[in-house]
Amino acid sequence: SAGIGRTGCFIATTIGCRQLQVEGVVDILSITCQLRADRGGMIQTGEQYEFIHHALSMYETRLSTETGQ
């Protein structure tokens, strides 16, 4: 394992959660592109990209519920 697939998902999800907290929006494509620029191959499959979208969607729903928005 080169540490770029699942690790990339974890890092992207963490960055996305922080971005949602601070900015209220998240740009998953931008996060992915930056991670790939830093370390080629991060987030290797469509399924991993979909996982990030799903995880951040769930997080956004929970964040909205907690803040009453």
N, C-alpha and C. Protein backbone atom coordinates (compact mmCIF):
# COMPACT_ATOMS: atom_id res chain seq x y z
N SER A 1 0.84 -1.19 0.00
CA SER A 1 0.00 0.00 0.00
C SER A 1 0.88 1.25 0.00
N ALA A 2 0.62 2.11 -0.94
CA ALA A 2 1.40 3.33 -1.06
C ALA A 2 0.84 4.46 -0.19
N GLY A 3 -0.29 4.21 0.46
CA GLY A 3 -0.87 5.22 1.34
C GLY A 3 -1.51 6.38 0.60
N ILE A 4 -2.10 6.09 -0.57
CA ILE A 4 -2.68 7.18 -1.34
C ILE A 4 -4.18 7.04 -1.58
N GLY A 5 -4.72 5.86 -1.46
CA GLY A 5 -6.14 5.64 -1.72
C GLY A 5 -6.99 5.95 -0.51
N ARG A 6 -7.01 5.03 0.43
CA ARG A 6 -7.83 5.22 1.63
C ARG A 6 -7.33 6.39 2.46
N THR A 7 -6.02 6.56 2.53
CA THR A 7 -5.46 7.69 3.27
C THR A 7 -5.90 9.01 2.64
N GLY A 8 -5.91 9.06 1.31
CA GLY A 8 -6.38 10.25 0.61
C GLY A 8 -7.83 10.56 0.94
N CYS A 9 -8.65 9.51 1.04
CA CYS A 9 -10.06 9.69 1.41
C CYS A 9 -10.18 10.30 2.80
N PHE A 10 -9.40 9.78 3.72
CA PHE A 10 -9.44 10.28 5.10
C PHE A 10 -9.00 11.74 5.16
N ILE A 11 -7.91 12.06 4.49
CA ILE A 11 -7.41 13.44 4.49
C ILE A 11 -8.41 14.38 3.84
N ALA A 12 -8.94 14.00 2.68
CA ALA A 12 -9.89 14.85 1.97
C ALA A 12 -11.16 15.07 2.80
N THR A 13 -11.63 14.03 3.46
CA THR A 13 -12.82 14.15 4.29
C THR A 13 -12.56 15.07 5.48
N THR A 14 -11.40 14.95 6.08
CA THR A 14 -11.04 15.81 7.21
C THR A 14 -10.96 17.27 6.78
N ILE A 15 -10.29 17.52 5.66
CA ILE A 15 -10.20 18.89 5.13
C ILE A 15 -11.59 19.42 4.80
N GLY A 16 -12.42 18.59 4.18
CA GLY A 16 -13.77 18.99 3.82
C GLY A 16 -14.62 19.34 5.03
N CYS A 17 -14.51 18.56 6.08
CA CYS A 17 -15.26 18.85 7.31
C CYS A 17 -14.84 20.20 7.88
N ARG A 18 -13.56 20.45 7.91
CA ARG A 18 -13.07 21.73 8.42
C ARG A 18 -13.55 22.88 7.54
N GLN A 19 -13.52 22.67 6.22
CA GLN A 19 -13.97 23.70 5.29
C GLN A 19 -15.46 24.01 5.50
N LEU A 20 -16.25 22.97 5.73
CA LEU A 20 -17.68 23.18 6.00
C LEU A 20 -17.89 23.98 7.28
N GLN A 21 -17.12 23.67 8.31
CA GLN A 21 -17.24 24.38 9.58
C GLN A 21 -16.90 25.86 9.43
N VAL A 22 -15.83 26.15 8.70
CA VAL A 22 -15.33 27.52 8.60
C VAL A 22 -16.07 28.34 7.55
N GLU A 23 -16.27 27.75 6.36
CA GLU A 23 -16.80 28.49 5.23
C GLU A 23 -18.28 28.21 4.94
N GLY A 24 -18.78 27.09 5.43
CA GLY A 24 -20.16 26.72 5.17
C GLY A 24 -20.38 26.03 3.84
N VAL A 25 -19.33 25.89 3.05
CA VAL A 25 -19.37 25.19 1.77
C VAL A 25 -18.10 24.35 1.65
N VAL A 26 -18.13 23.39 0.73
CA VAL A 26 -16.95 22.56 0.53
C VAL A 26 -16.74 22.36 -0.97
N ASP A 27 -15.48 22.37 -1.38
CA ASP A 27 -15.11 22.17 -2.79
C ASP A 27 -14.27 20.91 -2.87
N ILE A 28 -14.93 19.78 -3.07
CA ILE A 28 -14.26 18.48 -3.05
C ILE A 28 -13.28 18.35 -4.21
N LEU A 29 -13.66 18.85 -5.37
CA LEU A 29 -12.75 18.78 -6.52
C LEU A 29 -11.46 19.54 -6.24
N SER A 30 -11.57 20.71 -5.67
CA SER A 30 -10.38 21.51 -5.35
C SER A 30 -9.50 20.79 -4.32
N ILE A 31 -10.13 20.21 -3.31
CA ILE A 31 -9.38 19.47 -2.30
C ILE A 31 -8.64 18.30 -2.95
N THR A 32 -9.34 17.56 -3.80
CA THR A 32 -8.74 16.42 -4.49
C THR A 32 -7.57 16.85 -5.36
N CYS A 33 -7.76 17.92 -6.12
CA CYS A 33 -6.68 18.41 -7.00
C CYS A 33 -5.46 18.83 -6.19
N GLN A 34 -5.68 19.50 -5.06
CA GLN A 34 -4.56 19.93 -4.22
C GLN A 34 -3.83 18.72 -3.63
N LEU A 35 -4.58 17.73 -3.17
CA LEU A 35 -3.95 16.53 -2.63
C LEU A 35 -3.13 15.81 -3.70
N ARG A 36 -3.67 15.74 -4.90
CA ARG A 36 -2.95 15.09 -5.99
C ARG A 36 -1.72 15.87 -6.41
N ALA A 37 -1.77 17.19 -6.30
CA ALA A 37 -0.59 18.01 -6.60
C ALA A 37 0.50 17.76 -5.56
N ASP A 38 0.08 17.56 -4.30
CA ASP A 38 1.03 17.31 -3.23
C ASP A 38 1.59 15.89 -3.28
N ARG A 39 0.73 14.94 -3.63
CA ARG A 39 1.15 13.54 -3.70
C ARG A 39 0.31 12.85 -4.78
N GLY A 40 0.91 12.58 -5.89
CA GLY A 40 0.21 12.01 -7.04
C GLY A 40 -0.56 10.75 -6.71
N GLY A 41 -1.75 10.64 -7.29
CA GLY A 41 -2.55 9.43 -7.14
C GLY A 41 -3.50 9.41 -5.97
N MET A 42 -3.48 10.47 -5.15
CA MET A 42 -4.42 10.49 -4.02
C MET A 42 -5.84 10.34 -4.54
N ILE A 43 -6.64 9.56 -3.84
CA ILE A 43 -8.03 9.27 -4.21
C ILE A 43 -8.02 8.63 -5.59
N GLN A 44 -7.88 7.32 -5.59
CA GLN A 44 -7.59 6.57 -6.81
C GLN A 44 -8.81 6.15 -7.62
N THR A 45 -9.95 5.96 -6.99
CA THR A 45 -11.09 5.39 -7.70
C THR A 45 -12.32 6.28 -7.58
N GLY A 46 -13.25 6.05 -8.48
CA GLY A 46 -14.53 6.75 -8.41
C GLY A 46 -15.26 6.46 -7.12
N GLU A 47 -15.14 5.24 -6.64
CA GLU A 47 -15.80 4.86 -5.39
C GLU A 47 -15.25 5.67 -4.22
N GLN A 48 -13.95 5.92 -4.23
CA GLN A 48 -13.36 6.71 -3.15
C GLN A 48 -13.86 8.15 -3.22
N TYR A 49 -13.94 8.70 -4.42
CA TYR A 49 -14.46 10.05 -4.61
C TYR A 49 -15.92 10.13 -4.15
N GLU A 50 -16.71 9.11 -4.50
CA GLU A 50 -18.11 9.05 -4.07
C GLU A 50 -18.21 8.94 -2.55
N PHE A 51 -17.30 8.18 -1.94
CA PHE A 51 -17.30 8.05 -0.48
C PHE A 51 -17.12 9.41 0.18
N ILE A 52 -16.19 10.20 -0.35
CA ILE A 52 -15.94 11.53 0.21
C ILE A 52 -17.20 12.39 0.10
N HIS A 53 -17.84 12.37 -1.07
CA HIS A 53 -19.09 13.12 -1.26
C HIS A 53 -20.14 12.67 -0.25
N HIS A 54 -20.30 11.37 -0.10
CA HIS A 54 -21.32 10.83 0.81
C HIS A 54 -21.01 11.22 2.26
N ALA A 55 -19.77 11.05 2.67
CA ALA A 55 -19.38 11.37 4.05
C ALA A 55 -19.59 12.85 4.35
N LEU A 56 -19.21 13.71 3.42
CA LEU A 56 -19.36 15.15 3.64
C LEU A 56 -20.83 15.58 3.58
N SER A 57 -21.62 14.91 2.78
CA SER A 57 -23.05 15.19 2.74
C SER A 57 -23.69 14.85 4.08
N MET A 58 -23.32 13.71 4.63
CA MET A 58 -23.83 13.31 5.94
C MET A 58 -23.37 14.30 7.02
N TYR A 59 -22.12 14.71 6.94
CA TYR A 59 -21.58 15.65 7.92
C TYR A 59 -22.29 17.00 7.82
N GLU A 60 -22.53 17.45 6.60
CA GLU A 60 -23.22 18.73 6.40
C GLU A 60 -24.64 18.68 6.98
N THR A 61 -25.33 17.57 6.79
CA THR A 61 -26.67 17.40 7.34
C THR A 61 -26.63 17.47 8.86
N ARG A 62 -25.68 16.79 9.45
CA ARG A 62 -25.56 16.79 10.91
C ARG A 62 -25.19 18.18 11.43
N LEU A 63 -24.27 18.84 10.73
CA LEU A 63 -23.84 20.18 11.12
C LEU A 63 -25.02 21.15 11.06
N SER A 64 -25.83 21.05 10.02
CA SER A 64 -27.01 21.91 9.87
C SER A 64 -28.02 21.66 10.98
N THR A 65 -28.19 20.40 11.35
CA THR A 65 -29.13 20.04 12.41
C THR A 65 -28.66 20.60 13.75
N GLU A 66 -27.36 20.49 14.01
CA GLU A 66 -26.81 20.96 15.29
C GLU A 66 -26.87 22.47 15.42
N THR A 67 -26.70 23.18 14.31
CA THR A 67 -26.70 24.64 14.35
C THR A 67 -28.08 25.22 14.10
N GLY A 68 -29.05 24.36 13.77
CA GLY A 68 -30.42 24.80 13.55
C GLY A 68 -30.63 25.56 12.26
N GLN A 69 -29.82 25.27 11.26
CA GLN A 69 -29.94 25.97 9.97
C GLN A 69 -30.71 25.16 8.98
